[in-house]
Protein backbone atom coordinates (compact mmCIF):
# COMPACT_ATOMS: atom_id res chain seq x y z
CA MET A 1 30.15 -52.05 1.65
CA ALA A 2 27.94 -49.07 2.41
CA TYR A 3 25.23 -48.06 -0.04
CA ASP A 4 23.18 -44.96 -0.73
CA LYS A 5 20.72 -44.21 2.05
CA PHE A 6 17.11 -44.84 1.07
CA ASN A 7 14.36 -42.70 2.59
CA ILE A 8 12.02 -41.22 -0.01
CA LEU A 9 12.72 -41.86 -3.66
CA THR A 10 10.88 -39.75 -6.23
CA SER A 11 11.69 -40.66 -9.81
CA THR A 12 10.48 -41.36 -13.29
CA VAL A 13 10.18 -45.04 -14.17
CA VAL A 14 11.78 -47.40 -16.67
CA PRO A 15 9.10 -49.94 -17.72
CA LEU A 16 10.10 -53.54 -18.46
CA PRO A 17 6.82 -55.48 -18.74
CA ALA A 18 8.54 -58.83 -19.38
CA GLU A 19 7.60 -61.63 -16.98
CA ASN A 20 9.85 -64.37 -15.56
CA VAL A 21 13.03 -62.31 -15.96
CA ASP A 22 15.79 -64.51 -14.57
CA THR A 23 19.19 -63.54 -13.23
CA ASP A 24 20.99 -64.81 -16.34
CA GLN A 25 19.01 -62.31 -18.40
CA ILE A 26 19.77 -59.57 -15.87
CA ILE A 27 23.53 -60.31 -16.00
CA PRO A 28 24.71 -63.16 -18.26
CA ALA A 29 27.02 -65.73 -16.65
CA ARG A 30 30.00 -64.80 -18.86
CA PHE A 31 30.25 -61.49 -16.97
CA LEU A 32 30.54 -63.00 -13.50
CA LYS A 33 34.33 -63.28 -13.43
CA ALA A 34 34.96 -59.87 -11.86
CA THR A 35 35.43 -59.75 -8.10
CA GLU A 36 34.78 -56.03 -7.66
CA ARG A 37 31.17 -54.89 -7.41
CA GLU A 38 31.61 -52.03 -9.85
CA GLY A 39 31.23 -52.10 -13.62
CA PHE A 40 28.39 -54.62 -13.77
CA GLY A 41 25.91 -51.95 -14.85
CA ASP A 42 27.56 -51.84 -18.28
CA ASN A 43 26.33 -55.38 -18.87
CA LEU A 44 22.89 -55.14 -17.27
CA PHE A 45 20.50 -56.99 -19.63
CA ARG A 46 23.49 -57.33 -21.98
CA ASP A 47 21.90 -59.74 -24.47
CA TRP A 48 18.69 -57.70 -24.57
CA ARG A 49 20.50 -54.35 -24.89
CA TYR A 50 23.10 -55.22 -27.54
CA ASP A 51 23.36 -57.34 -30.66
CA VAL A 52 26.24 -59.81 -31.20
CA GLU A 53 28.41 -57.02 -32.59
CA GLY A 54 27.87 -54.87 -29.51
CA ASN A 55 25.50 -52.38 -31.12
CA PRO A 56 22.59 -51.11 -28.98
CA LYS A 57 19.20 -52.59 -29.90
CA LYS A 58 16.90 -49.64 -30.48
CA ASP A 59 13.80 -51.53 -29.38
CA PHE A 60 15.08 -52.27 -25.85
CA VAL A 61 13.85 -49.92 -23.15
CA LEU A 62 17.29 -49.09 -21.67
CA ASN A 63 18.33 -47.85 -25.11
CA ASP A 64 15.21 -45.71 -25.50
CA PRO A 65 15.87 -42.11 -24.38
CA THR A 66 12.12 -41.72 -23.79
CA TYR A 67 12.53 -43.55 -20.48
CA SER A 68 14.87 -42.90 -17.59
CA GLY A 69 14.85 -42.93 -13.81
CA LYS A 70 15.94 -44.75 -10.69
CA ILE A 71 12.93 -47.07 -10.56
CA LEU A 72 12.69 -50.21 -12.69
CA LEU A 73 9.11 -51.44 -13.13
CA SER A 74 9.01 -55.07 -14.19
CA GLY A 75 6.54 -57.82 -14.92
CA LYS A 76 5.73 -60.70 -12.58
CA ASN A 77 8.42 -63.05 -11.22
CA PHE A 78 11.47 -60.84 -11.47
CA GLY A 79 14.85 -62.27 -10.46
CA SER A 80 14.15 -65.98 -10.77
CA GLY A 81 16.90 -68.48 -11.60
CA SER A 82 20.30 -68.60 -9.94
CA SER A 83 21.14 -66.91 -6.66
CA ARG A 84 23.90 -64.70 -8.11
CA GLU A 85 24.32 -61.41 -6.27
CA HIS A 86 25.87 -59.99 -9.43
CA ALA A 87 22.35 -59.46 -10.83
CA VAL A 88 21.60 -56.93 -8.09
CA TRP A 89 25.11 -55.43 -8.37
CA ALA A 90 24.35 -54.77 -12.05
CA ILE A 91 21.00 -53.15 -11.25
CA TYR A 92 22.56 -50.96 -8.54
CA ASP A 93 25.61 -50.08 -10.62
CA TYR A 94 23.40 -49.05 -13.54
CA GLY A 95 21.67 -46.54 -11.27
CA PHE A 96 18.41 -48.15 -10.19
CA ARG A 97 17.56 -47.81 -6.50
CA ALA A 98 14.25 -49.69 -6.56
CA VAL A 99 12.68 -52.51 -8.55
CA VAL A 100 8.90 -52.75 -8.56
CA SER A 101 7.11 -55.97 -9.47
CA SER A 102 4.06 -58.01 -8.50
CA PHE A 103 6.34 -60.93 -7.52
CA PHE A 104 10.04 -61.45 -6.79
CA ALA A 105 12.07 -64.62 -6.41
CA ASP A 106 12.94 -64.91 -2.69
CA ILE A 107 16.73 -65.11 -3.02
CA PHE A 108 16.80 -62.19 -5.44
CA LYS A 109 14.64 -60.13 -3.09
CA ASN A 110 16.97 -60.81 -0.16
CA ASN A 111 20.01 -59.97 -2.30
CA CYS A 112 18.38 -56.64 -3.17
CA LEU A 113 17.92 -55.79 0.49
CA ASN A 114 21.55 -56.70 1.21
CA ILE A 115 22.90 -54.61 -1.66
CA GLY A 116 20.87 -51.41 -1.40
CA VAL A 117 18.15 -51.91 -4.03
CA LEU A 118 14.62 -51.74 -2.61
CA PRO A 119 12.34 -54.51 -3.96
CA VAL A 120 8.77 -53.22 -3.87
CA THR A 121 6.09 -55.88 -4.23
CA ILE A 122 2.74 -54.56 -5.44
CA SER A 123 -0.49 -56.13 -6.63
CA PRO A 124 -0.81 -57.09 -10.31
CA GLU A 125 -3.62 -54.53 -10.57
CA PHE A 126 -1.48 -51.66 -9.29
CA ALA A 127 1.39 -52.79 -11.54
CA GLU A 128 -0.97 -52.44 -14.49
CA VAL A 129 -1.95 -48.94 -13.33
CA LEU A 130 1.73 -47.95 -13.20
CA PHE A 131 2.56 -49.45 -16.60
CA LYS A 132 -0.35 -47.62 -18.23
CA ALA A 133 0.56 -44.32 -16.57
CA VAL A 134 4.19 -44.53 -17.69
CA GLU A 135 3.16 -45.54 -21.22
CA ALA A 136 0.80 -42.55 -21.42
CA ASP A 137 3.41 -40.15 -20.03
CA PRO A 138 7.06 -41.26 -19.65
CA LYS A 139 7.68 -38.25 -17.39
CA THR A 140 5.26 -39.66 -14.83
CA GLU A 141 6.84 -39.77 -11.39
CA VAL A 142 6.46 -42.36 -8.67
CA GLU A 143 7.30 -41.84 -5.01
CA ILE A 144 8.53 -44.65 -2.79
CA ASP A 145 8.50 -43.83 0.92
CA ILE A 146 10.33 -46.49 2.92
CA ASP A 147 9.21 -45.10 6.30
CA LYS A 148 5.55 -45.24 5.37
CA GLN A 149 6.14 -48.36 3.25
CA LYS A 150 4.07 -46.80 0.51
CA ILE A 151 4.44 -46.40 -3.26
CA THR A 152 2.47 -43.59 -4.89
CA LEU A 153 1.73 -42.58 -8.46
CA LEU A 154 2.10 -38.83 -8.03
CA SER A 155 -0.05 -37.82 -11.00
CA THR A 156 -3.18 -39.36 -9.47
CA GLY A 157 -2.31 -40.05 -5.84
CA ALA A 158 -3.05 -43.75 -6.30
CA SER A 159 -0.93 -45.74 -3.88
CA GLU A 160 -0.28 -49.10 -2.28
CA SER A 161 1.55 -50.29 0.79
CA PHE A 162 4.42 -52.76 0.64
CA ASP A 163 6.11 -55.01 3.19
CA ILE A 164 9.73 -54.90 4.31
CA ASN A 165 11.54 -56.60 7.18
CA SER A 166 12.16 -54.02 9.94
CA TYR A 167 15.88 -54.85 10.25
CA LYS A 168 16.41 -54.52 6.50
CA LYS A 169 14.33 -51.35 6.49
CA GLU A 170 16.64 -49.69 9.02
CA ASN A 171 19.70 -50.86 7.10
CA MET A 172 18.31 -49.42 3.85
CA LYS A 173 17.56 -46.11 5.58
CA ASN A 174 21.14 -45.93 6.89
CA GLY A 175 22.87 -47.27 3.77
CA PHE A 176 24.16 -50.30 5.69
CA ASP A 177 24.86 -53.85 4.67
CA ASP A 178 25.06 -56.47 7.46
CA ILE A 179 28.73 -55.73 8.20
CA ASP A 180 28.11 -51.98 8.33
CA TYR A 181 25.31 -52.62 10.82
CA LEU A 182 27.61 -54.61 13.11
CA LEU A 183 30.35 -51.99 12.85
CA ASN A 184 27.81 -49.31 13.75
CA ILE A 185 26.99 -51.07 17.04
CA LYS A 186 30.53 -52.27 17.87
CA ASP A 187 30.57 -50.27 21.12
CA GLU A 188 27.34 -51.95 22.22
CA ILE A 189 28.77 -55.35 21.29
CA ALA A 190 31.97 -54.62 23.25
CA ALA A 191 29.97 -53.47 26.29
CA PHE A 192 27.84 -56.62 26.13
CA ALA A 193 30.94 -58.82 25.87
CA GLU A 194 32.55 -57.13 28.91
CA ASN A 195 29.56 -58.02 31.06
CA ARG A 196 29.61 -61.69 30.17
């Protein structure tokens, strides 16, 4: 399944300072029955967003019109818990294209890279700079440049570099998952096979 190409993302930020956010909080297990990848965004952070009667909780950031954007800024240890891909499907389907944190669970991070959400790991100090900037001005924009592997707070120019596997980087830039990548080089594969 192809995803949106990722080159330079400039966006406002949705701040979620909670730490140790696990995949069951991102998308509760009762919503994992669907086999299609669409529609999961409706239930992103379901138990944090809505009360038992389905009414939006006003104190949760996704229900606060003050904040919007394609970048989710989270506290340390985001995506821990089970290995469910549905958590990243929900994040992508909601409209986020990048998640920024000082630490990601490994399986969650790999799922992000396979599904078209860029996980950007930054230092705890830079995370604090970003949280404070967004709190002071919710219209603050952040730029994420995948080619330069740099995240920048545009209001001040403060920035940090981040790591990404070169293969996954190229896939993100082209909007490819692993199957798309193979299909893209099928002629090269066929030529290689003919010479064997």
